[in-house]
Amino acid sequence: DDAPDPIINTCNGFYCDYFSPNKPYKPTMWTEAWTGWFT
């Protein structure tokens, strides 16, 4: 969440619709949408 500019902070999880980047000029990115889970 505290990724300094110009780094884009992103979301990982089963859901990321709650997520917003830490600056209003950064895109909303989901780097890990978990399709399942490990065994």
PDB file of all heavy atoms in Angstrom:
ATOM      1  N   ASP A   1       0.809  -1.216   0.000  1.00  0.00           N
ATOM      2  CA  ASP A   1       0.000   0.000   0.000  1.00  0.00           C
ATOM      3  C   ASP A   1       0.842   1.267   0.000  1.00  0.00           C
ATOM      4  O   ASP A   1       0.373   2.320  -0.447  1.00  0.00           O
ATOM      5  CB  ASP A   1      -0.939   0.010   1.208  1.00  0.00           C
ATOM      6  CG  ASP A   1      -2.027  -1.052   1.109  1.00  0.00           C
ATOM      7  OD1 ASP A   1      -2.264  -1.548  -0.013  1.00  0.00           O
ATOM      8  OD2 ASP A   1      -2.629  -1.388   2.145  1.00  0.00           O
ATOM      9  N   ASP A   2       2.076   1.193   0.509  1.00  0.00           N
ATOM     10  CA  ASP A   2       2.919   2.381   0.554  1.00  0.00           C
ATOM     11  C   ASP A   2       3.968   2.399  -0.555  1.00  0.00           C
ATOM     12  O   ASP A   2       4.999   3.052  -0.430  1.00  0.00           O
ATOM     13  CB  ASP A   2       3.593   2.509   1.917  1.00  0.00           C
ATOM     14  CG  ASP A   2       4.490   1.314   2.249  1.00  0.00           C
ATOM     15  OD1 ASP A   2       4.481   0.325   1.485  1.00  0.00           O
ATOM     16  OD2 ASP A   2       5.198   1.374   3.273  1.00  0.00           O
ATOM     17  N   ALA A   3       3.700   1.683  -1.654  1.00  0.00           N
ATOM     18  CA  ALA A   3       4.646   1.677  -2.773  1.00  0.00           C
ATOM     19  C   ALA A   3       4.902   3.101  -3.235  1.00  0.00           C
ATOM     20  O   ALA A   3       3.969   3.824  -3.587  1.00  0.00           O
ATOM     21  CB  ALA A   3       4.098   0.830  -3.919  1.00  0.00           C
ATOM     22  N   PRO A   4       6.166   3.548  -3.248  1.00  0.00           N
ATOM     23  CA  PRO A   4       6.450   4.938  -3.619  1.00  0.00           C
ATOM     24  C   PRO A   4       6.344   5.155  -5.126  1.00  0.00           C
ATOM     25  O   PRO A   4       6.575   4.240  -5.911  1.00  0.00           O
ATOM     26  CB  PRO A   4       7.890   5.133  -3.132  1.00  0.00           C
ATOM     27  CG  PRO A   4       8.490   3.770  -3.149  1.00  0.00           C
ATOM     28  CD  PRO A   4       7.372   2.810  -2.830  1.00  0.00           C
ATOM     29  N   ASP A   5       5.986   6.363  -5.510  1.00  0.00           N
ATOM     30  CA  ASP A   5       5.945   6.702  -6.926  1.00  0.00           C
ATOM     31  C   ASP A   5       7.325   6.505  -7.556  1.00  0.00           C
ATOM     32  O   ASP A   5       8.344   6.721  -6.904  1.00  0.00           O
ATOM     33  CB  ASP A   5       5.530   8.168  -7.109  1.00  0.00           C
ATOM     34  CG  ASP A   5       4.066   8.402  -6.797  1.00  0.00           C
ATOM     35  OD1 ASP A   5       3.338   7.414  -6.660  1.00  0.00           O
ATOM     36  OD2 ASP A   5       3.662   9.573  -6.668  1.00  0.00           O
ATOM     37  N   PRO A   6       7.350   6.061  -8.819  1.00  0.00           N
ATOM     38  CA  PRO A   6       6.234   5.802  -9.719  1.00  0.00           C
ATOM     39  C   PRO A   6       5.753   4.353  -9.706  1.00  0.00           C
ATOM     40  O   PRO A   6       5.052   3.922 -10.606  1.00  0.00           O
ATOM     41  CB  PRO A   6       6.833   6.141 -11.081  1.00  0.00           C
ATOM     42  CG  PRO A   6       8.250   5.673 -10.953  1.00  0.00           C
ATOM     43  CD  PRO A   6       8.647   5.989  -9.537  1.00  0.00           C
ATOM     44  N   ILE A   7       6.147   3.595  -8.684  1.00  0.00           N
ATOM     45  CA  ILE A   7       5.750   2.189  -8.597  1.00  0.00           C
ATOM     46  C   ILE A   7       4.235   2.085  -8.427  1.00  0.00           C
ATOM     47  O   ILE A   7       3.635   2.808  -7.628  1.00  0.00           O
ATOM     48  CB  ILE A   7       6.455   1.499  -7.413  1.00  0.00           C
ATOM     49  CG1 ILE A   7       7.965   1.693  -7.471  1.00  0.00           C
ATOM     50  CG2 ILE A   7       6.100   0.021  -7.372  1.00  0.00           C
ATOM     51  CD1 ILE A   7       8.651   1.027  -8.620  1.00  0.00           C
ATOM     52  N   ILE A   8       3.606   1.150  -9.151  1.00  0.00           N
ATOM     53  CA  ILE A   8       2.169   0.909  -9.029  1.00  0.00           C
ATOM     54  C   ILE A   8       1.947  -0.161  -7.961  1.00  0.00           C
ATOM     55  O   ILE A   8       2.534  -1.243  -8.040  1.00  0.00           O
ATOM     56  CB  ILE A   8       1.576   0.415 -10.359  1.00  0.00           C
ATOM     57  CG1 ILE A   8       1.933   1.356 -11.515  1.00  0.00           C
ATOM     58  CG2 ILE A   8       0.062   0.262 -10.245  1.00  0.00           C
ATOM     59  CD1 ILE A   8       1.622   0.767 -12.883  1.00  0.00           C
ATOM     60  N   ASN A   9       1.141   0.134  -6.965  1.00  0.00           N
ATOM     61  CA  ASN A   9       0.770  -0.915  -6.004  1.00  0.00           C
ATOM     62  C   ASN A   9      -0.433  -1.680  -6.533  1.00  0.00           C
ATOM     63  O   ASN A   9      -1.331  -1.103  -7.150  1.00  0.00           O
ATOM     64  CB  ASN A   9       0.508  -0.339  -4.620  1.00  0.00           C
ATOM     65  CG  ASN A   9      -0.702   0.572  -4.568  1.00  0.00           C
ATOM     66  OD1 ASN A   9      -0.774   1.552  -5.299  1.00  0.00           O
ATOM     67  ND2 ASN A   9      -1.650   0.260  -3.687  1.00  0.00           N
ATOM     68  N   THR A  10      -0.435  -2.992  -6.325  1.00  0.00           N
ATOM     69  CA  THR A  10      -1.455  -3.862  -6.917  1.00  0.00           C
ATOM     70  C   THR A  10      -2.018  -4.806  -5.866  1.00  0.00           C
ATOM     71  O   THR A  10      -1.491  -4.938  -4.762  1.00  0.00           O
ATOM     72  CB  THR A  10      -0.870  -4.677  -8.081  1.00  0.00           C
ATOM     73  OG1 THR A  10       0.093  -5.608  -7.560  1.00  0.00           O
ATOM     74  CG2 THR A  10      -0.191  -3.792  -9.111  1.00  0.00           C
ATOM     75  N   CYS A  11      -3.072  -5.510  -6.255  1.00  0.00           N
ATOM     76  CA  CYS A  11      -3.811  -6.386  -5.342  1.00  0.00           C
ATOM     77  C   CYS A  11      -3.573  -7.845  -5.694  1.00  0.00           C
ATOM     78  O   CYS A  11      -3.420  -8.199  -6.865  1.00  0.00           O
ATOM     79  CB  CYS A  11      -5.304  -6.064  -5.445  1.00  0.00           C
ATOM     80  SG  CYS A  11      -6.368  -7.018  -4.321  1.00  0.00           S
ATOM     81  N   ASN A  12      -3.542  -8.712  -4.683  1.00  0.00           N
ATOM     82  CA  ASN A  12      -3.566 -10.166  -4.831  1.00  0.00           C
ATOM     83  C   ASN A  12      -4.691 -10.711  -3.960  1.00  0.00           C
ATOM     84  O   ASN A  12      -4.887 -10.229  -2.839  1.00  0.00           O
ATOM     85  CB  ASN A  12      -2.258 -10.812  -4.365  1.00  0.00           C
ATOM     86  CG  ASN A  12      -1.066 -10.444  -5.224  1.00  0.00           C
ATOM     87  OD1 ASN A  12      -1.199  -9.866  -6.298  1.00  0.00           O
ATOM     88  ND2 ASN A  12       0.122 -10.780  -4.748  1.00  0.00           N
ATOM     89  N   GLY A  13      -5.398 -11.736  -4.432  1.00  0.00           N
ATOM     90  CA  GLY A  13      -6.414 -12.333  -3.589  1.00  0.00           C
ATOM     91  C   GLY A  13      -7.473 -13.063  -4.390  1.00  0.00           C
ATOM     92  O   GLY A  13      -7.442 -13.103  -5.618  1.00  0.00           O
ATOM     93  N   PHE A  14      -8.435 -13.648  -3.664  1.00  0.00           N
ATOM     94  CA  PHE A  14      -9.574 -14.280  -4.320  1.00  0.00           C
ATOM     95  C   PHE A  14     -10.516 -13.233  -4.908  1.00  0.00           C
ATOM     96  O   PHE A  14     -11.184 -13.477  -5.914  1.00  0.00           O
ATOM     97  CB  PHE A  14     -10.338 -15.167  -3.337  1.00  0.00           C
ATOM     98  CG  PHE A  14      -9.596 -16.420  -2.943  1.00  0.00           C
ATOM     99  CD1 PHE A  14      -9.239 -16.647  -1.620  1.00  0.00           C
ATOM    100  CD2 PHE A  14      -9.255 -17.367  -3.890  1.00  0.00           C
ATOM    101  CE1 PHE A  14      -8.564 -17.803  -1.255  1.00  0.00           C
ATOM    102  CE2 PHE A  14      -8.578 -18.529  -3.538  1.00  0.00           C
ATOM    103  CZ  PHE A  14      -8.228 -18.742  -2.213  1.00  0.00           C
ATOM    104  N   TYR A  15     -10.560 -12.063  -4.259  1.00  0.00           N
ATOM    105  CA  TYR A  15     -11.376 -10.944  -4.736  1.00  0.00           C
ATOM    106  C   TYR A  15     -10.557  -9.668  -4.572  1.00  0.00           C
ATOM    107  O   TYR A  15      -9.825  -9.517  -3.592  1.00  0.00           O
ATOM    108  CB  TYR A  15     -12.666 -10.810  -3.935  1.00  0.00           C
ATOM    109  CG  TYR A  15     -13.493 -12.069  -3.880  1.00  0.00           C
ATOM    110  CD1 TYR A  15     -13.350 -12.968  -2.831  1.00  0.00           C
ATOM    111  CD2 TYR A  15     -14.415 -12.363  -4.878  1.00  0.00           C
ATOM    112  CE1 TYR A  15     -14.094 -14.129  -2.778  1.00  0.00           C
ATOM    113  CE2 TYR A  15     -15.172 -13.528  -4.831  1.00  0.00           C
ATOM    114  CZ  TYR A  15     -15.002 -14.409  -3.783  1.00  0.00           C
ATOM    115  OH  TYR A  15     -15.738 -15.562  -3.731  1.00  0.00           O
ATOM    116  N   CYS A  16     -10.694  -8.741  -5.517  1.00  0.00           N
ATOM    117  CA  CYS A  16      -9.980  -7.468  -5.412  1.00  0.00           C
ATOM    118  C   CYS A  16     -10.860  -6.281  -5.792  1.00  0.00           C
ATOM    119  O   CYS A  16     -10.351  -5.200  -6.072  1.00  0.00           O
ATOM    120  CB  CYS A  16      -8.716  -7.487  -6.277  1.00  0.00           C
ATOM    121  SG  CYS A  16      -7.309  -8.318  -5.480  1.00  0.00           S
ATOM    122  N   ASP A  17     -12.189  -6.452  -5.795  1.00  0.00           N
ATOM    123  CA  ASP A  17     -13.062  -5.335  -6.131  1.00  0.00           C
ATOM    124  C   ASP A  17     -13.037  -4.246  -5.065  1.00  0.00           C
ATOM    125  O   ASP A  17     -13.431  -3.108  -5.320  1.00  0.00           O
ATOM    126  CB  ASP A  17     -14.494  -5.817  -6.351  1.00  0.00           C
ATOM    127  CG  ASP A  17     -15.020  -6.628  -5.182  1.00  0.00           C
ATOM    128  OD1 ASP A  17     -14.563  -7.778  -4.996  1.00  0.00           O
ATOM    129  OD2 ASP A  17     -15.873  -6.120  -4.440  1.00  0.00           O
ATOM    130  N   TYR A  18     -12.546  -4.572  -3.863  1.00  0.00           N
ATOM    131  CA  TYR A  18     -12.430  -3.589  -2.783  1.00  0.00           C
ATOM    132  C   TYR A  18     -11.217  -2.687  -2.945  1.00  0.00           C
ATOM    133  O   TYR A  18     -11.094  -1.662  -2.293  1.00  0.00           O
ATOM    134  CB  TYR A  18     -12.304  -4.305  -1.434  1.00  0.00           C
ATOM    135  CG  TYR A  18     -11.028  -5.112  -1.330  1.00  0.00           C
ATOM    136  CD1 TYR A  18      -9.837  -4.547  -0.881  1.00  0.00           C
ATOM    137  CD2 TYR A  18     -11.001  -6.443  -1.742  1.00  0.00           C
ATOM    138  CE1 TYR A  18      -8.663  -5.279  -0.830  1.00  0.00           C
ATOM    139  CE2 TYR A  18      -9.831  -7.183  -1.690  1.00  0.00           C
ATOM    140  CZ  TYR A  18      -8.669  -6.597  -1.239  1.00  0.00           C
ATOM    141  OH  TYR A  18      -7.508  -7.321  -1.197  1.00  0.00           O
ATOM    142  N   PHE A  19     -10.302  -3.033  -3.842  1.00  0.00           N
ATOM    143  CA  PHE A  19      -8.972  -2.432  -3.889  1.00  0.00           C
ATOM    144  C   PHE A  19      -8.951  -1.134  -4.687  1.00  0.00           C
ATOM    145  O   PHE A  19      -9.596  -1.024  -5.741  1.00  0.00           O
ATOM    146  CB  PHE A  19      -7.985  -3.422  -4.512  1.00  0.00           C
ATOM    147  CG  PHE A  19      -6.628  -2.843  -4.822  1.00  0.00           C
ATOM    148  CD1 PHE A  19      -5.703  -2.634  -3.811  1.00  0.00           C
ATOM    149  CD2 PHE A  19      -6.289  -2.488  -6.123  1.00  0.00           C
ATOM    150  CE1 PHE A  19      -4.459  -2.090  -4.095  1.00  0.00           C
ATOM    151  CE2 PHE A  19      -5.047  -1.957  -6.414  1.00  0.00           C
ATOM    152  CZ  PHE A  19      -4.128  -1.756  -5.398  1.00  0.00           C
ATOM    153  N   SER A  20      -8.176  -0.166  -4.176  1.00  0.00           N
ATOM    154  CA  SER A  20      -7.869   1.055  -4.921  1.00  0.00           C
ATOM    155  C   SER A  20      -6.378   1.327  -4.784  1.00  0.00           C
ATOM    156  O   SER A  20      -5.796   1.098  -3.713  1.00  0.00           O
ATOM    157  CB  SER A  20      -8.653   2.255  -4.378  1.00  0.00           C
ATOM    158  OG  SER A  20     -10.042   2.078  -4.575  1.00  0.00           O
ATOM    159  N   PRO A  21      -5.731   1.814  -5.840  1.00  0.00           N
ATOM    160  CA  PRO A  21      -4.301   2.131  -5.737  1.00  0.00           C
ATOM    161  C   PRO A  21      -4.065   3.294  -4.785  1.00  0.00           C
ATOM    162  O   PRO A  21      -5.001   4.028  -4.425  1.00  0.00           O
ATOM    163  CB  PRO A  21      -3.923   2.483  -7.179  1.00  0.00           C
ATOM    164  CG  PRO A  21      -5.196   2.882  -7.839  1.00  0.00           C
ATOM    165  CD  PRO A  21      -6.276   2.074  -7.185  1.00  0.00           C
ATOM    166  N   ASN A  22      -2.813   3.451  -4.380  1.00  0.00           N
ATOM    167  CA  ASN A  22      -2.523   4.442  -3.341  1.00  0.00           C
ATOM    168  C   ASN A  22      -2.437   5.876  -3.844  1.00  0.00           C
ATOM    169  O   ASN A  22      -2.289   6.801  -3.052  1.00  0.00           O
ATOM    170  CB  ASN A  22      -1.241   4.076  -2.579  1.00  0.00           C
ATOM    171  CG  ASN A  22      -0.008   4.052  -3.468  1.00  0.00           C
ATOM    172  OD1 ASN A  22      -0.029   4.513  -4.609  1.00  0.00           O
ATOM    173  ND2 ASN A  22       1.083   3.509  -2.948  1.00  0.00           N
ATOM    174  N   LYS A  23      -2.520   6.065  -5.160  1.00  0.00           N
ATOM    175  CA  LYS A  23      -2.552   7.411  -5.725  1.00  0.00           C
ATOM    176  C   LYS A  23      -3.622   7.454  -6.824  1.00  0.00           C
ATOM    177  O   LYS A  23      -3.818   6.465  -7.546  1.00  0.00           O
ATOM    178  CB  LYS A  23      -1.186   7.793  -6.307  1.00  0.00           C
ATOM    179  CG  LYS A  23      -0.082   7.922  -5.270  1.00  0.00           C
ATOM    180  CD  LYS A  23      -0.311   9.111  -4.353  1.00  0.00           C
ATOM    181  CE  LYS A  23       0.736   9.157  -3.236  1.00  0.00           C
ATOM    182  NZ  LYS A  23       2.097   9.337  -3.747  1.00  0.00           N
ATOM    183  N   PRO A  24      -4.298   8.577  -6.968  1.00  0.00           N
ATOM    184  CA  PRO A  24      -5.408   8.642  -7.927  1.00  0.00           C
ATOM    185  C   PRO A  24      -4.976   8.592  -9.387  1.00  0.00           C
ATOM    186  O   PRO A  24      -5.826   8.446 -10.266  1.00  0.00           O
ATOM    187  CB  PRO A  24      -6.066   9.992  -7.606  1.00  0.00           C
ATOM    188  CG  PRO A  24      -4.991  10.809  -6.971  1.00  0.00           C
ATOM    189  CD  PRO A  24      -4.148   9.838  -6.198  1.00  0.00           C
ATOM    190  N   TYR A  25      -3.678   8.689  -9.649  1.00  0.00           N
ATOM    191  CA  TYR A  25      -3.211   8.657 -11.035  1.00  0.00           C
ATOM    192  C   TYR A  25      -2.598   7.309 -11.409  1.00  0.00           C
ATOM    193  O   TYR A  25      -1.921   7.185 -12.422  1.00  0.00           O
ATOM    194  CB  TYR A  25      -2.208   9.783 -11.298  1.00  0.00           C
ATOM    195  CG  TYR A  25      -1.188   9.999 -10.201  1.00  0.00           C
ATOM    196  CD1 TYR A  25      -0.090   9.155 -10.037  1.00  0.00           C
ATOM    197  CD2 TYR A  25      -1.345  11.053  -9.309  1.00  0.00           C
ATOM    198  CE1 TYR A  25       0.831   9.355  -9.029  1.00  0.00           C
ATOM    199  CE2 TYR A  25      -0.429  11.267  -8.290  1.00  0.00           C
ATOM    200  CZ  TYR A  25       0.658  10.421  -8.158  1.00  0.00           C
ATOM    201  OH  TYR A  25       1.572  10.628  -7.146  1.00  0.00           O
ATOM    202  N   LYS A  26      -2.848   6.289 -10.586  1.00  0.00           N
ATOM    203  CA  LYS A  26      -2.356   4.944 -10.896  1.00  0.00           C
ATOM    204  C   LYS A  26      -3.526   4.040 -11.280  1.00  0.00           C
ATOM    205  O   LYS A  26      -4.637   4.185 -10.753  1.00  0.00           O
ATOM    206  CB  LYS A  26      -1.614   4.349  -9.695  1.00  0.00           C
ATOM    207  CG  LYS A  26      -0.347   5.105  -9.311  1.00  0.00           C
ATOM    208  CD  LYS A  26       0.326   4.494  -8.084  1.00  0.00           C
ATOM    209  CE  LYS A  26       1.577   5.280  -7.694  1.00  0.00           C
ATOM    210  NZ  LYS A  26       2.242   4.728  -6.487  1.00  0.00           N
ATOM    211  N   PRO A  27      -3.294   3.079 -12.175  1.00  0.00           N
ATOM    212  CA  PRO A  27      -4.372   2.170 -12.582  1.00  0.00           C
ATOM    213  C   PRO A  27      -4.678   1.132 -11.511  1.00  0.00           C
ATOM    214  O   PRO A  27      -3.852   0.857 -10.634  1.00  0.00           O
ATOM    215  CB  PRO A  27      -3.815   1.510 -13.841  1.00  0.00           C
ATOM    216  CG  PRO A  27      -2.332   1.517 -13.631  1.00  0.00           C
ATOM    217  CD  PRO A  27      -2.032   2.797 -12.883  1.00  0.00           C
ATOM    218  N   THR A  28      -5.857   0.554 -11.584  1.00  0.00           N
ATOM    219  CA  THR A  28      -6.289  -0.474 -10.640  1.00  0.00           C
ATOM    220  C   THR A  28      -5.955  -1.836 -11.226  1.00  0.00           C
ATOM    221  O   THR A  28      -6.551  -2.259 -12.217  1.00  0.00           O
ATOM    222  CB  THR A  28      -7.801  -0.342 -10.372  1.00  0.00           C
ATOM    223  OG1 THR A  28      -8.078   0.979  -9.899  1.00  0.00           O
ATOM    224  CG2 THR A  28      -8.257  -1.351  -9.338  1.00  0.00           C
ATOM    225  N   MET A  29      -4.998  -2.525 -10.589  1.00  0.00           N
ATOM    226  CA  MET A  29      -4.435  -3.751 -11.149  1.00  0.00           C
ATOM    227  C   MET A  29      -4.529  -4.899 -10.147  1.00  0.00           C
ATOM    228  O   MET A  29      -4.311  -4.719  -8.949  1.00  0.00           O
ATOM    229  CB  MET A  29      -2.967  -3.527 -11.566  1.00  0.00           C
ATOM    230  CG  MET A  29      -2.784  -2.445 -12.614  1.00  0.00           C
ATOM    231  SD  MET A  29      -1.037  -2.153 -13.021  1.00  0.00           S
ATOM    232  CE  MET A  29      -0.597  -3.732 -13.735  1.00  0.00           C
ATOM    233  N   TRP A  30      -4.803  -6.078 -10.674  1.00  0.00           N
ATOM    234  CA  TRP A  30      -4.953  -7.302  -9.870  1.00  0.00           C
ATOM    235  C   TRP A  30      -3.902  -8.283 -10.381  1.00  0.00           C
ATOM    236  O   TRP A  30      -4.086  -8.934 -11.398  1.00  0.00           O
ATOM    237  CB  TRP A  30      -6.369  -7.841 -10.067  1.00  0.00           C
ATOM    238  CG  TRP A  30      -6.799  -8.940  -9.166  1.00  0.00           C
ATOM    239  CD1 TRP A  30      -6.082  -9.566  -8.186  1.00  0.00           C
ATOM    240  CD2 TRP A  30      -8.093  -9.566  -9.166  1.00  0.00           C
ATOM    241  NE1 TRP A  30      -6.836 -10.530  -7.574  1.00  0.00           N
ATOM    242  CE2 TRP A  30      -8.071 -10.554  -8.144  1.00  0.00           C
ATOM    243  CE3 TRP A  30      -9.249  -9.384  -9.921  1.00  0.00           C
ATOM    244  CZ2 TRP A  30      -9.185 -11.358  -7.895  1.00  0.00           C
ATOM    245  CZ3 TRP A  30     -10.345 -10.186  -9.651  1.00  0.00           C
ATOM    246  CH2 TRP A  30     -10.320 -11.159  -8.652  1.00  0.00           C
ATOM    247  N   THR A  31      -2.795  -8.392  -9.665  1.00  0.00           N
ATOM    248  CA  THR A  31      -1.672  -9.205 -10.142  1.00  0.00           C
ATOM    249  C   THR A  31      -1.817 -10.689  -9.840  1.00  0.00           C
ATOM    250  O   THR A  31      -1.116 -11.512 -10.437  1.00  0.00           O
ATOM    251  CB  THR A  31      -0.340  -8.703  -9.555  1.00  0.00           C
ATOM    252  OG1 THR A  31      -0.537  -8.310  -8.194  1.00  0.00           O
ATOM    253  CG2 THR A  31       0.195  -7.526 -10.349  1.00  0.00           C
ATOM    254  N   GLU A  32      -2.694 -11.047  -8.891  1.00  0.00           N
ATOM    255  CA  GLU A  32      -2.943 -12.464  -8.617  1.00  0.00           C
ATOM    256  C   GLU A  32      -4.425 -12.674  -8.323  1.00  0.00           C
ATOM    257  O   GLU A  32      -4.878 -12.455  -7.202  1.00  0.00           O
ATOM    258  CB  GLU A  32      -2.108 -12.985  -7.442  1.00  0.00           C
ATOM    259  CG  GLU A  32      -0.626 -13.066  -7.728  1.00  0.00           C
ATOM    260  CD  GLU A  32       0.152 -13.738  -6.603  1.00  0.00           C
ATOM    261  OE1 GLU A  32      -0.485 -14.397  -5.745  1.00  0.00           O
ATOM    262  OE2 GLU A  32       1.386 -13.587  -6.574  1.00  0.00           O
ATOM    263  N   ALA A  33      -5.164 -13.075  -9.349  1.00  0.00           N
ATOM    264  CA  ALA A  33      -6.537 -13.551  -9.155  1.00  0.00           C
ATOM    265  C   ALA A  33      -6.445 -15.061  -9.009  1.00  0.00           C
ATOM    266  O   ALA A  33      -6.189 -15.772  -9.977  1.00  0.00           O
ATOM    267  CB  ALA A  33      -7.412 -13.167 -10.344  1.00  0.00           C
ATOM    268  N   TRP A  34      -6.627 -15.541  -7.799  1.00  0.00           N
ATOM    269  CA  TRP A  34      -6.329 -16.943  -7.493  1.00  0.00           C
ATOM    270  C   TRP A  34      -7.392 -17.857  -8.093  1.00  0.00           C
ATOM    271  O   TRP A  34      -8.561 -17.826  -7.712  1.00  0.00           O
ATOM    272  CB  TRP A  34      -6.232 -17.131  -5.983  1.00  0.00           C
ATOM    273  CG  TRP A  34      -5.097 -16.326  -5.390  1.00  0.00           C
ATOM    274  CD1 TRP A  34      -3.947 -15.942  -6.011  1.00  0.00           C
ATOM    275  CD2 TRP A  34      -5.028 -15.792  -4.061  1.00  0.00           C
ATOM    276  NE1 TRP A  34      -3.152 -15.204  -5.153  1.00  0.00           N
ATOM    277  CE2 TRP A  34      -3.788 -15.095  -3.944  1.00  0.00           C
ATOM    278  CE3 TRP A  34      -5.876 -15.839  -2.959  1.00  0.00           C
ATOM    279  CZ2 TRP A  34      -3.396 -14.453  -2.776  1.00  0.00           C
ATOM    280  CZ3 TRP A  34      -5.486 -15.194  -1.785  1.00  0.00           C
ATOM    281  CH2 TRP A  34      -4.258 -14.522  -1.704  1.00  0.00           C
ATOM    282  N   THR A  35      -6.964 -18.687  -9.056  1.00  0.00           N
ATOM    283  CA  THR A  35      -7.889 -19.586  -9.754  1.00  0.00           C
ATOM    284  C   THR A  35      -8.244 -20.808  -8.929  1.00  0.00           C
ATOM    285  O   THR A  35      -9.189 -21.531  -9.258  1.00  0.00           O
ATOM    286  CB  THR A  35      -7.276 -20.055 -11.076  1.00  0.00           C
ATOM    287  OG1 THR A  35      -6.043 -20.745 -10.804  1.00  0.00           O
ATOM    288  CG2 THR A  35      -6.991 -18.880 -12.000  1.00  0.00           C
ATOM    289  N   GLY A  36      -7.494 -21.058  -7.899  1.00  0.00           N
ATOM    290  CA  GLY A  36      -7.705 -22.187  -7.003  1.00  0.00           C
ATOM    291  C   GLY A  36      -6.789 -21.990  -5.816  1.00  0.00           C
ATOM    292  O   GLY A  36      -6.668 -20.890  -5.286  1.00  0.00           O
ATOM    293  N   TRP A  37      -6.097 -23.069  -5.439  1.00  0.00           N
ATOM    294  CA  TRP A  37      -5.163 -22.980  -4.312  1.00  0.00           C
ATOM    295  C   TRP A  37      -4.190 -24.139  -4.451  1.00  0.00           C
ATOM    296  O   TRP A  37      -4.451 -25.111  -5.167  1.00  0.00           O
ATOM    297  CB  TRP A  37      -5.903 -23.042  -2.990  1.00  0.00           C
ATOM    298  CG  TRP A  37      -5.153 -22.492  -1.807  1.00  0.00           C
ATOM    299  CD1 TRP A  37      -4.748 -23.180  -0.703  1.00  0.00           C
ATOM    300  CD2 TRP A  37      -4.736 -21.132  -1.600  1.00  0.00           C
ATOM    301  NE1 TRP A  37      -4.115 -22.351   0.190  1.00  0.00           N
ATOM    302  CE2 TRP A  37      -4.089 -21.074  -0.349  1.00  0.00           C
ATOM    303  CE3 TRP A  37      -4.832 -19.959  -2.363  1.00  0.00           C
ATOM    304  CZ2 TRP A  37      -3.546 -19.899   0.168  1.00  0.00           C
ATOM    305  CZ3 TRP A  37      -4.296 -18.793  -1.849  1.00  0.00           C
ATOM    306  CH2 TRP A  37      -3.669 -18.755  -0.603  1.00  0.00           C
ATOM    307  N   PHE A  38      -3.071 -24.044  -3.764  1.00  0.00           N
ATOM    308  CA  PHE A  38      -2.070 -25.105  -3.847  1.00  0.00           C
ATOM    309  C   PHE A  38      -2.472 -26.318  -3.016  1.00  0.00           C
ATOM    310  O   PHE A  38      -3.294 -26.229  -2.107  1.00  0.00           O
ATOM    311  CB  PHE A  38      -0.698 -24.587  -3.396  1.00  0.00           C
ATOM    312  CG  PHE A  38      -0.656 -24.090  -1.975  1.00  0.00           C
ATOM    313  CD1 PHE A  38      -0.470 -24.967  -0.917  1.00  0.00           C
ATOM    314  CD2 PHE A  38      -0.788 -22.736  -1.698  1.00  0.00           C
ATOM    315  CE1 PHE A  38      -0.427 -24.518   0.396  1.00  0.00           C
ATOM    316  CE2 PHE A  38      -0.746 -22.263  -0.387  1.00  0.00           C
ATOM    317  CZ  PHE A  38      -0.570 -23.162   0.651  1.00  0.00           C
ATOM    318  N   THR A  39      -1.867 -27.453  -3.347  1.00  0.00           N
ATOM    319  CA  THR A  39      -2.086 -28.696  -2.608  1.00  0.00           C
ATOM    320  C   THR A  39      -0.875 -28.986  -1.740  1.00  0.00           C
ATOM    321  O   THR A  39       0.269 -28.809  -2.178  1.00  0.00           O
ATOM    322  CB  THR A  39      -2.313 -29.867  -3.579  1.00  0.00           C
ATOM    323  OG1 THR A  39      -3.457 -29.590  -4.384  1.00  0.00           O
ATOM    324  CG2 THR A  39      -2.534 -31.171  -2.823  1.00  0.00           C
TER     325      THR A  39
END
